[in-house]
Amino acid sequence: MATTATSRPPVRISKVANRYLLFDIDDVIYLRRNHNIGSVYIGLIPQNPQQNVFNGLPVELMPEEAQVLVKKKAAYVVDDAVFHLCRLTSLDYLSRRAYEQSLQAEGRQAQLMSLEYKLQNTPDEFRNKQKKTKTKLQQTSSEANVAGSLATVRAAHREEEPNLFDASPPTSRRQSQAPKESSKGWPVTPTTSGILLTPPPELDTPSVPVDTPPSYPLFAHLQHKGYFTMPGIRFGCDYNVYPGDPLRFHSHFQATSYGWEEQINLIDIVACGRLGTNVKKSYLIGGEVSGVSKAGVSEKEQKEVEEGVPPPVRCFSIEWAVM
């Protein structure tokens, strides 16, 4: 079941070099399911940087998408460099300790998953030995710390009171440290910094201003109507407009924004209309209605504007139907 908008804290959008990025896959799924935000994956594989089929995280949001989410109070924008520096310097000892323990727990979980995978592809004679190792790793962190402290005390006691008649060979330091290293699990580099957000952000968290283009009213209007929008550079427009998730539907419109008093070149309408018809789309133009006085606006409409409802926009769709 998807997390409801009321029970989930707002999503953190990281502003990096004037680009609005999402690094947490849970945030990407939430926005796609609840706010019709598809966006573009820009993560590349280092071995093959020219490919564009298997792109992954992070996800880059258009400035219009970031502004819509901020208006809905579903997200807030932070300057990534300033945010991390401020959070890391403000952590006290207990917070740092909790952060380190969470990384160790994640490393132990990754090691357990690797052992489970090896057990499925290991001959029977080696499974018993690996099961014992897995059982040791499943002990709680408190038990591991107690065992480590007891081993340290006993080792110090042996060094202080050596026994000349003890025939047992001395234990090397490398062998004594091996169980301690295995109890910590694998070292893990965190992919997100959500653990630094303690306590979770509130709905009225301040946001960094977003620089929106002139086409924002048209985008906000389409998004408010329930459409998915993607960058439309491949079809020479501002947005590709989808009736649902782009993974399930083809786009129905190629949308371009114009000013209410802006003159439109006729050749652009003909060219884009023909292109849209050839790719089974309609050419949509629209813009914010100007000249609307606030005197005739009701209190309900003013409240809707304050809550993120887009300004009035009028749209026209064009199809090329000439033989």
C-alpha atoms as a PDB file:
ATOM      1  CA  MET A   1       0.000   0.000   0.000  1.00  0.00           C
ATOM      2  CA  ALA A   2       1.320   3.424  -0.920  1.00  0.00           C
ATOM      3  CA  THR A   3       2.057   5.843   1.872  1.00  0.00           C
ATOM      4  CA  THR A   4      -0.602   8.508   2.177  1.00  0.00           C
ATOM      5  CA  ALA A   5       0.312  12.135   1.722  1.00  0.00           C
ATOM      6  CA  THR A   6      -0.872  13.062   5.215  1.00  0.00           C
ATOM      7  CA  SER A   7       1.285  10.532   7.064  1.00  0.00           C
ATOM      8  CA  ARG A   8       4.477  11.049   5.072  1.00  0.00           C
ATOM      9  CA  PRO A   9       6.921  13.892   5.709  1.00  0.00           C
ATOM     10  CA  PRO A  10       7.740  16.164   2.762  1.00  0.00           C
ATOM     11  CA  VAL A  11      10.322  14.995   0.264  1.00  0.00           C
ATOM     12  CA  ARG A  12      13.748  16.619   0.269  1.00  0.00           C
ATOM     13  CA  ILE A  13      14.836  17.865  -3.162  1.00  0.00           C
ATOM     14  CA  SER A  14      18.569  18.535  -3.412  1.00  0.00           C
ATOM     15  CA  LYS A  15      19.646  21.518  -5.467  1.00  0.00           C
ATOM     16  CA  VAL A  16      23.062  20.763  -6.958  1.00  0.00           C
ATOM     17  CA  ALA A  17      24.554  23.197  -9.490  1.00  0.00           C
ATOM     18  CA  ASN A  18      21.081  24.599 -10.298  1.00  0.00           C
ATOM     19  CA  ARG A  19      19.716  21.098 -10.886  1.00  0.00           C
ATOM     20  CA  TYR A  20      16.953  19.604  -8.763  1.00  0.00           C
ATOM     21  CA  LEU A  21      17.762  15.987  -7.872  1.00  0.00           C
ATOM     22  CA  LEU A  22      16.210  13.089  -5.949  1.00  0.00           C
ATOM     23  CA  PHE A  23      18.551  10.442  -4.538  1.00  0.00           C
ATOM     24  CA  ASP A  24      16.137   8.302  -2.502  1.00  0.00           C
ATOM     25  CA  ILE A  25      14.226   5.611  -4.410  1.00  0.00           C
ATOM     26  CA  ASP A  26      11.397   5.722  -1.857  1.00  0.00           C
ATOM     27  CA  ASP A  27      10.854   9.409  -2.624  1.00  0.00           C
ATOM     28  CA  VAL A  28      10.842   8.701  -6.364  1.00  0.00           C
ATOM     29  CA  ILE A  29       8.211   5.974  -5.983  1.00  0.00           C
ATOM     30  CA  TYR A  30       6.068   8.135  -3.706  1.00  0.00           C
ATOM     31  CA  LEU A  31       6.045  11.106  -6.080  1.00  0.00           C
ATOM     32  CA  ARG A  32       5.323   8.913  -9.076  1.00  0.00           C
ATOM     33  CA  ARG A  33       2.354   7.212  -7.415  1.00  0.00           C
ATOM     34  CA  ASN A  34       0.805  10.159  -5.617  1.00  0.00           C
ATOM     35  CA  HIS A  35       1.806  13.315  -7.503  1.00  0.00           C
ATOM     36  CA  ASN A  36       2.205  12.247 -11.164  1.00  0.00           C
ATOM     37  CA  ILE A  37       5.918  13.067 -11.233  1.00  0.00           C
ATOM     38  CA  GLY A  38       7.872  10.845 -13.630  1.00  0.00           C
ATOM     39  CA  SER A  39      11.024  12.878 -14.338  1.00  0.00           C
ATOM     40  CA  VAL A  40      14.251  11.672 -15.911  1.00  0.00           C
ATOM     41  CA  TYR A  41      16.875   9.265 -14.561  1.00  0.00           C
ATOM     42  CA  ILE A  42      20.361  10.656 -15.122  1.00  0.00           C
ATOM     43  CA  GLY A  43      22.591   8.132 -13.303  1.00  0.00           C
ATOM     44  CA  LEU A  44      25.083   6.497 -15.685  1.00  0.00           C
ATOM     45  CA  ILE A  45      27.263   3.401 -15.560  1.00  0.00           C
ATOM     46  CA  PRO A  46      30.948   4.443 -15.394  1.00  0.00           C
ATOM     47  CA  GLN A  47      32.007   1.614 -17.714  1.00  0.00           C
ATOM     48  CA  ASN A  48      29.571   2.763 -20.419  1.00  0.00           C
ATOM     49  CA  PRO A  49      28.787   6.452 -20.001  1.00  0.00           C
ATOM     50  CA  GLN A  50      27.268   6.862 -23.478  1.00  0.00           C
ATOM     51  CA  GLN A  51      24.350   4.493 -22.929  1.00  0.00           C
ATOM     52  CA  ASN A  52      20.891   5.857 -22.082  1.00  0.00           C
ATOM     53  CA  VAL A  53      18.858   2.671 -21.581  1.00  0.00           C
ATOM     54  CA  PHE A  54      19.911   1.595 -18.093  1.00  0.00           C
ATOM     55  CA  ASN A  55      20.039   4.987 -16.407  1.00  0.00           C
ATOM     56  CA  GLY A  56      19.455   5.011 -12.667  1.00  0.00           C
ATOM     57  CA  LEU A  57      19.449   7.333  -9.691  1.00  0.00           C
ATOM     58  CA  PRO A  58      19.526  10.228  -9.173  1.00  0.00           C
ATOM     59  CA  VAL A  59      16.358  11.565 -10.776  1.00  0.00           C
ATOM     60  CA  GLU A  60      16.442  15.093 -12.153  1.00  0.00           C
ATOM     61  CA  LEU A  61      13.302  17.169 -11.719  1.00  0.00           C
ATOM     62  CA  MET A  62      12.349  20.043 -13.951  1.00  0.00           C
ATOM     63  CA  PRO A  63      12.147  23.380 -12.108  1.00  0.00           C
ATOM     64  CA  GLU A  64       8.416  23.346 -12.787  1.00  0.00           C
ATOM     65  CA  GLU A  65       8.041  19.989 -11.041  1.00  0.00           C
ATOM     66  CA  ALA A  66       9.996  21.175  -8.022  1.00  0.00           C
ATOM     67  CA  GLN A  67       7.878  24.337  -7.769  1.00  0.00           C
ATOM     68  CA  VAL A  68       4.599  22.394  -8.024  1.00  0.00           C
ATOM     69  CA  LEU A  69       5.666  20.048  -5.230  1.00  0.00           C
ATOM     70  CA  VAL A  70       6.712  22.975  -3.035  1.00  0.00           C
ATOM     71  CA  LYS A  71       3.343  24.664  -3.636  1.00  0.00           C
ATOM     72  CA  LYS A  72       1.566  21.458  -2.604  1.00  0.00           C
ATOM     73  CA  LYS A  73       3.788  21.211   0.503  1.00  0.00           C
ATOM     74  CA  ALA A  74       4.749  17.728  -0.670  1.00  0.00           C
ATOM     75  CA  ALA A  75       8.449  18.629  -0.912  1.00  0.00           C
ATOM     76  CA  TYR A  76      10.995  21.279  -0.065  1.00  0.00           C
ATOM     77  CA  VAL A  77      14.222  22.298  -1.782  1.00  0.00           C
ATOM     78  CA  VAL A  78      17.568  22.529   0.014  1.00  0.00           C
ATOM     79  CA  ASP A  79      20.982  23.675  -1.130  1.00  0.00           C
ATOM     80  CA  ASP A  80      22.787  20.340  -1.030  1.00  0.00           C
ATOM     81  CA  ALA A  81      26.246  21.598  -0.029  1.00  0.00           C
ATOM     82  CA  VAL A  82      24.974  23.889   2.722  1.00  0.00           C
ATOM     83  CA  PHE A  83      22.514  21.285   4.022  1.00  0.00           C
ATOM     84  CA  HIS A  84      25.081  18.526   4.539  1.00  0.00           C
ATOM     85  CA  LEU A  85      27.672  20.824   6.084  1.00  0.00           C
ATOM     86  CA  CYS A  86      25.102  22.215   8.520  1.00  0.00           C
ATOM     87  CA  ARG A  87      23.788  18.784   9.488  1.00  0.00           C
ATOM     88  CA  LEU A  88      27.179  17.163   9.983  1.00  0.00           C
ATOM     89  CA  THR A  89      28.498  19.993  12.140  1.00  0.00           C
ATOM     90  CA  SER A  90      25.354  20.037  14.303  1.00  0.00           C
ATOM     91  CA  LEU A  91      25.446  16.326  15.208  1.00  0.00           C
ATOM     92  CA  ASP A  92      26.228  15.561  18.831  1.00  0.00           C
ATOM     93  CA  TYR A  93      27.981  12.433  20.087  1.00  0.00           C
ATOM     94  CA  LEU A  94      24.805  10.375  20.489  1.00  0.00           C
ATOM     95  CA  SER A  95      23.603  11.258  16.996  1.00  0.00           C
ATOM     96  CA  ARG A  96      26.955  10.360  15.469  1.00  0.00           C
ATOM     97  CA  ARG A  97      26.979   7.087  17.382  1.00  0.00           C
ATOM     98  CA  ALA A  98      23.474   6.246  16.170  1.00  0.00           C
ATOM     99  CA  TYR A  99      24.524   7.064  12.595  1.00  0.00           C
ATOM    100  CA  GLU A 100      27.558   4.762  12.840  1.00  0.00           C
ATOM    101  CA  GLN A 101      25.480   1.954  14.342  1.00  0.00           C
ATOM    102  CA  SER A 102      22.941   2.231  11.525  1.00  0.00           C
ATOM    103  CA  LEU A 103      25.744   1.841   8.979  1.00  0.00           C
ATOM    104  CA  GLN A 104      27.101  -1.201  10.834  1.00  0.00           C
ATOM    105  CA  ALA A 105      23.639  -2.776  10.921  1.00  0.00           C
ATOM    106  CA  GLU A 106      23.268  -2.196   7.194  1.00  0.00           C
ATOM    107  CA  GLY A 107      26.668  -3.804   6.613  1.00  0.00           C
ATOM    108  CA  ARG A 108      25.707  -6.877   8.653  1.00  0.00           C
ATOM    109  CA  GLN A 109      22.460  -7.155   6.704  1.00  0.00           C
ATOM    110  CA  ALA A 110      24.360  -7.031   3.412  1.00  0.00           C
ATOM    111  CA  GLN A 111      26.754  -9.719   4.638  1.00  0.00           C
ATOM    112  CA  LEU A 112      23.849 -11.946   5.685  1.00  0.00           C
ATOM    113  CA  MET A 113      22.223 -11.577   2.283  1.00  0.00           C
ATOM    114  CA  SER A 114      25.498 -12.547   0.624  1.00  0.00           C
ATOM    115  CA  LEU A 115      25.778 -15.640   2.819  1.00  0.00           C
ATOM    116  CA  GLU A 116      22.213 -16.656   2.015  1.00  0.00           C
ATOM    117  CA  TYR A 117      22.985 -16.380  -1.680  1.00  0.00           C
ATOM    118  CA  LYS A 118      26.125 -18.485  -1.259  1.00  0.00           C
ATOM    119  CA  LEU A 119      24.217 -21.140   0.692  1.00  0.00           C
ATOM    120  CA  GLN A 120      21.854 -21.619  -2.212  1.00  0.00           C
ATOM    121  CA  ASN A 121      24.760 -22.307  -4.586  1.00  0.00           C
ATOM    122  CA  THR A 122      27.062 -24.286  -2.268  1.00  0.00           C
ATOM    123  CA  PRO A 123      27.483 -28.089  -2.070  1.00  0.00           C
ATOM    124  CA  ASP A 124      26.012 -29.836   0.961  1.00  0.00           C
ATOM    125  CA  GLU A 125      29.345 -30.530   2.670  1.00  0.00           C
ATOM    126  CA  PHE A 126      30.099 -26.816   3.004  1.00  0.00           C
ATOM    127  CA  ARG A 127      26.649 -25.609   4.051  1.00  0.00           C
ATOM    128  CA  ASN A 128      26.957 -26.532   7.731  1.00  0.00           C
ATOM    129  CA  LYS A 129      30.057 -24.413   8.150  1.00  0.00           C
ATOM    130  CA  GLN A 130      28.472 -21.394   6.488  1.00  0.00           C
ATOM    131  CA  LYS A 131      25.284 -21.790   8.522  1.00  0.00           C
ATOM    132  CA  LYS A 132      27.343 -21.515  11.696  1.00  0.00           C
ATOM    133  CA  THR A 133      28.912 -18.307  10.402  1.00  0.00           C
ATOM    134  CA  LYS A 134      25.468 -16.923   9.565  1.00  0.00           C
ATOM    135  CA  THR A 135      24.210 -17.761  13.061  1.00  0.00           C
ATOM    136  CA  LYS A 136      27.060 -15.806  14.592  1.00  0.00           C
ATOM    137  CA  LEU A 137      26.294 -12.792  12.417  1.00  0.00           C
ATOM    138  CA  GLN A 138      22.642 -12.808  13.480  1.00  0.00           C
ATOM    139  CA  GLN A 139      23.530 -12.025  17.088  1.00  0.00           C
ATOM    140  CA  THR A 140      22.518  -8.598  18.311  1.00  0.00           C
ATOM    141  CA  SER A 141      24.961  -5.758  18.405  1.00  0.00           C
ATOM    142  CA  SER A 142      24.850  -5.659  22.201  1.00  0.00           C
ATOM    143  CA  GLU A 143      25.950  -9.292  22.466  1.00  0.00           C
ATOM    144  CA  ALA A 144      28.761  -8.649  20.020  1.00  0.00           C
ATOM    145  CA  ASN A 145      29.954  -5.650  22.017  1.00  0.00           C
ATOM    146  CA  VAL A 146      29.842  -7.613  25.291  1.00  0.00           C
ATOM    147  CA  ALA A 147      31.787 -10.489  23.764  1.00  0.00           C
ATOM    148  CA  GLY A 148      34.370  -8.095  22.386  1.00  0.00           C
ATOM    149  CA  SER A 149      34.813  -6.376  25.744  1.00  0.00           C
ATOM    150  CA  LEU A 150      35.185  -9.712  27.576  1.00  0.00           C
ATOM    151  CA  ALA A 151      37.791 -10.857  25.081  1.00  0.00           C
ATOM    152  CA  THR A 152      39.702  -7.616  25.566  1.00  0.00           C
ATOM    153  CA  VAL A 153      39.649  -7.960  29.370  1.00  0.00           C
ATOM    154  CA  ARG A 154      40.831 -11.578  29.228  1.00  0.00           C
ATOM    155  CA  ALA A 155      43.623 -10.728  26.811  1.00  0.00           C
ATOM    156  CA  ALA A 156      44.809  -7.915  29.063  1.00  0.00           C
ATOM    157  CA  HIS A 157      44.671 -10.238  32.079  1.00  0.00           C
ATOM    158  CA  ARG A 158      46.833 -12.815  30.291  1.00  0.00           C
ATOM    159  CA  GLU A 159      49.396 -10.176  29.381  1.00  0.00           C
ATOM    160  CA  GLU A 160      49.619  -8.981  32.985  1.00  0.00           C
ATOM    161  CA  GLU A 161      49.937 -12.517  34.484  1.00  0.00           C
ATOM    162  CA  PRO A 162      51.830 -14.742  32.046  1.00  0.00           C
ATOM    163  CA  ASN A 163      51.889 -18.476  32.782  1.00  0.00           C
ATOM    164  CA  LEU A 164      55.295 -20.063  32.129  1.00  0.00           C
ATOM    165  CA  PHE A 165      53.893 -23.606  32.308  1.00  0.00           C
ATOM    166  CA  ASP A 166      51.129 -23.035  29.752  1.00  0.00           C
ATOM    167  CA  ALA A 167      51.792 -25.327  26.819  1.00  0.00           C
ATOM    168  CA  SER A 168      49.153 -23.822  24.552  1.00  0.00           C
ATOM    169  CA  PRO A 169      50.603 -21.834  21.656  1.00  0.00           C
ATOM    170  CA  PRO A 170      50.124 -18.075  21.778  1.00  0.00           C
ATOM    171  CA  THR A 171      47.258 -16.692  19.742  1.00  0.00           C
ATOM    172  CA  SER A 172      48.288 -14.217  17.111  1.00  0.00           C
ATOM    173  CA  ARG A 173      46.711 -10.797  17.018  1.00  0.00           C
ATOM    174  CA  ARG A 174      45.386 -11.366  13.506  1.00  0.00           C
ATOM    175  CA  GLN A 175      43.459 -14.466  14.578  1.00  0.00           C
ATOM    176  CA  SER A 176      41.995 -12.771  17.654  1.00  0.00           C
ATOM    177  CA  GLN A 177      40.769  -9.827  15.618  1.00  0.00           C
ATOM    178  CA  ALA A 178      39.091 -11.903  12.910  1.00  0.00           C
ATOM    179  CA  PRO A 179      35.809 -12.565  14.781  1.00  0.00           C
ATOM    180  CA  LYS A 180      35.588  -8.917  15.762  1.00  0.00           C
ATOM    181  CA  GLU A 181      35.873  -7.806  12.156  1.00  0.00           C
ATOM    182  CA  SER A 182      33.254 -10.295  10.976  1.00  0.00           C
ATOM    183  CA  SER A 183      30.787  -9.148  13.642  1.00  0.00           C
ATOM    184  CA  LYS A 184      30.846  -5.619  12.254  1.00  0.00           C
ATOM    185  CA  GLY A 185      29.773  -6.722   8.799  1.00  0.00           C
ATOM    186  CA  TRP A 186      30.814  -5.174   5.547  1.00  0.00           C
ATOM    187  CA  PRO A 187      31.706  -1.497   5.273  1.00  0.00           C
ATOM    188  CA  VAL A 188      28.829   0.307   3.570  1.00  0.00           C
ATOM    189  CA  THR A 189      28.864   3.655   1.811  1.00  0.00           C
ATOM    190  CA  PRO A 190      25.376   5.176   2.262  1.00  0.00           C
ATOM    191  CA  THR A 191      23.639   6.231  -0.943  1.00  0.00           C
ATOM    192  CA  THR A 192      21.316   8.693   0.799  1.00  0.00           C
ATOM    193  CA  SER A 193      21.601  11.034   3.757  1.00  0.00           C
ATOM    194  CA  GLY A 194      18.076  10.576   5.071  1.00  0.00           C
ATOM    195  CA  ILE A 195      19.447   9.339   8.389  1.00  0.00           C
ATOM    196  CA  LEU A 196      20.595  12.915   9.049  1.00  0.00           C
ATOM    197  CA  LEU A 197      16.979  14.112   9.011  1.00  0.00           C
ATOM    198  CA  THR A 198      16.186  13.585  12.676  1.00  0.00           C
ATOM    199  CA  PRO A 199      13.519  14.542  13.572  1.00  0.00           C
ATOM    200  CA  PRO A 200      11.639  14.251  10.242  1.00  0.00           C
ATOM    201  CA  PRO A 201      10.914  17.551   8.497  1.00  0.00           C
ATOM    202  CA  GLU A 202       7.564  19.241   9.013  1.00  0.00           C
ATOM    203  CA  LEU A 203       5.113  20.424   6.375  1.00  0.00           C
ATOM    204  CA  ASP A 204       6.110  24.064   6.820  1.00  0.00           C
ATOM    205  CA  THR A 205       9.838  23.415   6.302  1.00  0.00           C
ATOM    206  CA  PRO A 206      11.397  26.446   4.566  1.00  0.00           C
ATOM    207  CA  SER A 207      12.447  25.871   0.974  1.00  0.00           C
ATOM    208  CA  VAL A 208      15.062  27.385  -1.298  1.00  0.00           C
ATOM    209  CA  PRO A 209      13.441  29.548  -4.019  1.00  0.00           C
ATOM    210  CA  VAL A 210      12.966  27.774  -7.346  1.00  0.00           C
ATOM    211  CA  ASP A 211      13.736  29.535 -10.627  1.00  0.00           C
ATOM    212  CA  THR A 212      10.774  28.610 -12.824  1.00  0.00           C
ATOM    213  CA  PRO A 213      10.583  29.270 -16.588  1.00  0.00           C
ATOM    214  CA  PRO A 214       7.756  31.278 -18.224  1.00  0.00           C
ATOM    215  CA  SER A 215       6.022  28.006 -19.150  1.00  0.00           C
ATOM    216  CA  TYR A 216       5.285  27.180 -15.502  1.00  0.00           C
ATOM    217  CA  PRO A 217       1.556  28.157 -15.590  1.00  0.00           C
ATOM    218  CA  LEU A 218       0.879  25.701 -18.432  1.00  0.00           C
ATOM    219  CA  PHE A 219       2.773  22.939 -16.644  1.00  0.00           C
ATOM    220  CA  ALA A 220       0.948  23.578 -13.365  1.00  0.00           C
ATOM    221  CA  HIS A 221      -2.387  23.556 -15.205  1.00  0.00           C
ATOM    222  CA  LEU A 222      -1.702  20.190 -16.861  1.00  0.00           C
ATOM    223  CA  GLN A 223      -0.364  18.704 -13.640  1.00  0.00           C
ATOM    224  CA  HIS A 224      -3.438  19.864 -11.755  1.00  0.00           C
ATOM    225  CA  LYS A 225      -5.617  18.105 -14.346  1.00  0.00           C
ATOM    226  CA  GLY A 226      -3.884  14.796 -13.557  1.00  0.00           C
ATOM    227  CA  TYR A 227      -1.530  14.528 -16.536  1.00  0.00           C
ATOM    228  CA  PHE A 228       2.043  13.274 -16.458  1.00  0.00           C
ATOM    229  CA  THR A 229       4.488  15.614 -18.177  1.00  0.00           C
ATOM    230  CA  MET A 230       7.977  14.923 -19.475  1.00  0.00           C
ATOM    231  CA  PRO A 231      10.516  17.140 -21.269  1.00  0.00           C
ATOM    232  CA  GLY A 232       9.425  17.633 -24.871  1.00  0.00           C
ATOM    233  CA  ILE A 233      12.723  18.391 -26.556  1.00  0.00           C
ATOM    234  CA  ARG A 234      12.495  15.291 -28.755  1.00  0.00           C
ATOM    235  CA  PHE A 235       9.371  16.690 -30.456  1.00  0.00           C
ATOM    236  CA  GLY A 236      10.375  20.345 -30.482  1.00  0.00           C
ATOM    237  CA  CYS A 237       7.987  21.440 -27.727  1.00  0.00           C
ATOM    238  CA  ASP A 238       8.059  22.276 -24.038  1.00  0.00           C
ATOM    239  CA  TYR A 239       6.373  19.141 -22.662  1.00  0.00           C
ATOM    240  CA  ASN A 240       5.159  15.713 -23.686  1.00  0.00           C
ATOM    241  CA  VAL A 241       1.794  15.188 -21.996  1.00  0.00           C
ATOM    242  CA  TYR A 242       0.678  11.697 -20.954  1.00  0.00           C
ATOM    243  CA  PRO A 243      -2.787  10.652 -19.706  1.00  0.00           C
ATOM    244  CA  GLY A 244      -1.147   8.308 -17.179  1.00  0.00           C
ATOM    245  CA  ASP A 245       2.196   6.823 -16.236  1.00  0.00           C
ATOM    246  CA  PRO A 246       4.622   7.086 -19.201  1.00  0.00           C
ATOM    247  CA  LEU A 247       5.529   3.427 -18.648  1.00  0.00           C
ATOM    248  CA  ARG A 248       1.957   2.488 -19.606  1.00  0.00           C
ATOM    249  CA  PHE A 249       0.791   5.174 -22.050  1.00  0.00           C
ATOM    250  CA  HIS A 250       2.006   7.046 -25.092  1.00  0.00           C
ATOM    251  CA  SER A 251       1.857  10.812 -24.928  1.00  0.00           C
ATOM    252  CA  HIS A 252      -1.325  12.412 -26.281  1.00  0.00           C
ATOM    253  CA  PHE A 253      -0.102  16.000 -26.619  1.00  0.00           C
ATOM    254  CA  GLN A 254       3.038  17.922 -27.443  1.00  0.00           C
ATOM    255  CA  ALA A 255       2.552  21.118 -25.471  1.00  0.00           C
ATOM    256  CA  THR A 256       4.108  24.545 -25.973  1.00  0.00           C
ATOM    257  CA  SER A 257       3.560  27.581 -23.778  1.00  0.00           C
ATOM    258  CA  TYR A 258       2.944  31.069 -25.142  1.00  0.00           C
ATOM    259  CA  GLY A 259       2.217  34.394 -23.533  1.00  0.00           C
ATOM    260  CA  TRP A 260      -1.385  35.603 -23.636  1.00  0.00           C
ATOM    261  CA  GLU A 261      -0.479  38.591 -25.830  1.00  0.00           C
ATOM    262  CA  GLU A 262       2.423  36.903 -27.630  1.00  0.00           C
ATOM    263  CA  GLN A 263       2.226  36.620 -31.401  1.00  0.00           C
ATOM    264  CA  ILE A 264       2.557  33.063 -32.714  1.00  0.00           C
ATOM    265  CA  ASN A 265       4.277  32.421 -36.004  1.00  0.00           C
ATOM    266  CA  LEU A 266       1.929  30.571 -38.342  1.00  0.00           C
ATOM    267  CA  ILE A 267       4.704  28.367 -39.709  1.00  0.00           C
ATOM    268  CA  ASP A 268       5.333  27.044 -36.179  1.00  0.00           C
ATOM    269  CA  ILE A 269       1.706  25.997 -35.837  1.00  0.00           C
ATOM    270  CA  VAL A 270       1.773  24.232 -39.215  1.00  0.00           C
ATOM    271  CA  ALA A 271       5.097  22.497 -38.589  1.00  0.00           C
ATOM    272  CA  CYS A 272       4.294  21.340 -35.064  1.00  0.00           C
ATOM    273  CA  GLY A 273       0.758  20.361 -36.041  1.00  0.00           C
ATOM    274  CA  ARG A 274       2.031  18.185 -38.897  1.00  0.00           C
ATOM    275  CA  LEU A 275       4.702  16.655 -36.676  1.00  0.00           C
ATOM    276  CA  GLY A 276       2.157  15.875 -33.979  1.00  0.00           C
ATOM    277  CA  THR A 277      -0.198  14.234 -36.466  1.00  0.00           C
ATOM    278  CA  ASN A 278       2.603  12.088 -37.906  1.00  0.00           C
ATOM    279  CA  VAL A 279       3.499  10.762 -34.448  1.00  0.00           C
ATOM    280  CA  LYS A 280      -0.165  10.332 -33.423  1.00  0.00           C
ATOM    281  CA  LYS A 281      -0.287  13.329 -31.122  1.00  0.00           C
ATOM    282  CA  SER A 282      -2.094  16.632 -30.952  1.00  0.00           C
ATOM    283  CA  TYR A 283      -0.235  19.909 -30.811  1.00  0.00           C
ATOM    284  CA  LEU A 284      -1.326  21.789 -27.687  1.00  0.00           C
ATOM    285  CA  ILE A 285      -0.689  25.471 -27.081  1.00  0.00           C
ATOM    286  CA  GLY A 286      -1.677  27.364 -23.980  1.00  0.00           C
ATOM    287  CA  GLY A 287      -0.854  30.199 -21.657  1.00  0.00           C
ATOM    288  CA  GLU A 288      -1.915  32.052 -18.567  1.00  0.00           C
ATOM    289  CA  VAL A 289      -4.999  34.212 -19.001  1.00  0.00           C
ATOM    290  CA  SER A 290      -4.050  37.834 -18.422  1.00  0.00           C
ATOM    291  CA  GLY A 291      -6.246  40.758 -17.464  1.00  0.00           C
ATOM    292  CA  VAL A 292      -8.136  38.884 -14.720  1.00  0.00           C
ATOM    293  CA  SER A 293      -8.910  41.395 -11.987  1.00  0.00           C
ATOM    294  CA  LYS A 294      -8.731  40.309  -8.372  1.00  0.00           C
ATOM    295  CA  ALA A 295     -11.951  42.159  -7.606  1.00  0.00           C
ATOM    296  CA  GLY A 296     -14.057  39.451  -9.224  1.00  0.00           C
ATOM    297  CA  VAL A 297     -12.165  36.566  -7.589  1.00  0.00           C
ATOM    298  CA  SER A 298     -14.025  34.809  -4.804  1.00  0.00           C
ATOM    299  CA  GLU A 299     -12.505  33.864  -1.461  1.00  0.00           C
ATOM    300  CA  LYS A 300     -12.561  30.198  -2.479  1.00  0.00           C
ATOM    301  CA  GLU A 301     -10.511  30.906  -5.609  1.00  0.00           C
ATOM    302  CA  GLN A 302      -8.023  32.995  -3.630  1.00  0.00           C
ATOM    303  CA  LYS A 303      -7.629  30.146  -1.143  1.00  0.00           C
ATOM    304  CA  GLU A 304      -7.062  27.681  -3.983  1.00  0.00           C
ATOM    305  CA  VAL A 305      -4.283  29.855  -5.393  1.00  0.00           C
ATOM    306  CA  GLU A 306      -2.625  30.020  -1.967  1.00  0.00           C
ATOM    307  CA  GLU A 307      -2.857  26.225  -1.613  1.00  0.00           C
ATOM    308  CA  GLY A 308      -1.066  25.599  -4.892  1.00  0.00           C
ATOM    309  CA  VAL A 309      -3.897  25.556  -7.449  1.00  0.00           C
ATOM    310  CA  PRO A 310      -2.433  26.980 -10.683  1.00  0.00           C
ATOM    311  CA  PRO A 311      -3.565  30.289 -12.173  1.00  0.00           C
ATOM    312  CA  PRO A 312      -6.198  30.246 -14.935  1.00  0.00           C
ATOM    313  CA  VAL A 313      -4.788  28.842 -18.181  1.00  0.00           C
ATOM    314  CA  ARG A 314      -6.497  28.370 -21.529  1.00  0.00           C
ATOM    315  CA  CYS A 315      -5.383  25.667 -23.973  1.00  0.00           C
ATOM    316  CA  PHE A 316      -6.009  24.850 -27.637  1.00  0.00           C
ATOM    317  CA  SER A 317      -5.187  21.596 -29.442  1.00  0.00           C
ATOM    318  CA  ILE A 318      -4.271  21.544 -33.136  1.00  0.00           C
ATOM    319  CA  GLU A 319      -4.227  18.622 -35.573  1.00  0.00           C
ATOM    320  CA  TRP A 320      -3.063  18.679 -39.185  1.00  0.00           C
ATOM    321  CA  ALA A 321      -5.913  17.194 -41.228  1.00  0.00           C
ATOM    322  CA  VAL A 322      -5.061  18.340 -44.782  1.00  0.00           C
ATOM    323  CA  MET A 323      -4.335  15.752 -47.469  1.00  0.00           C
END
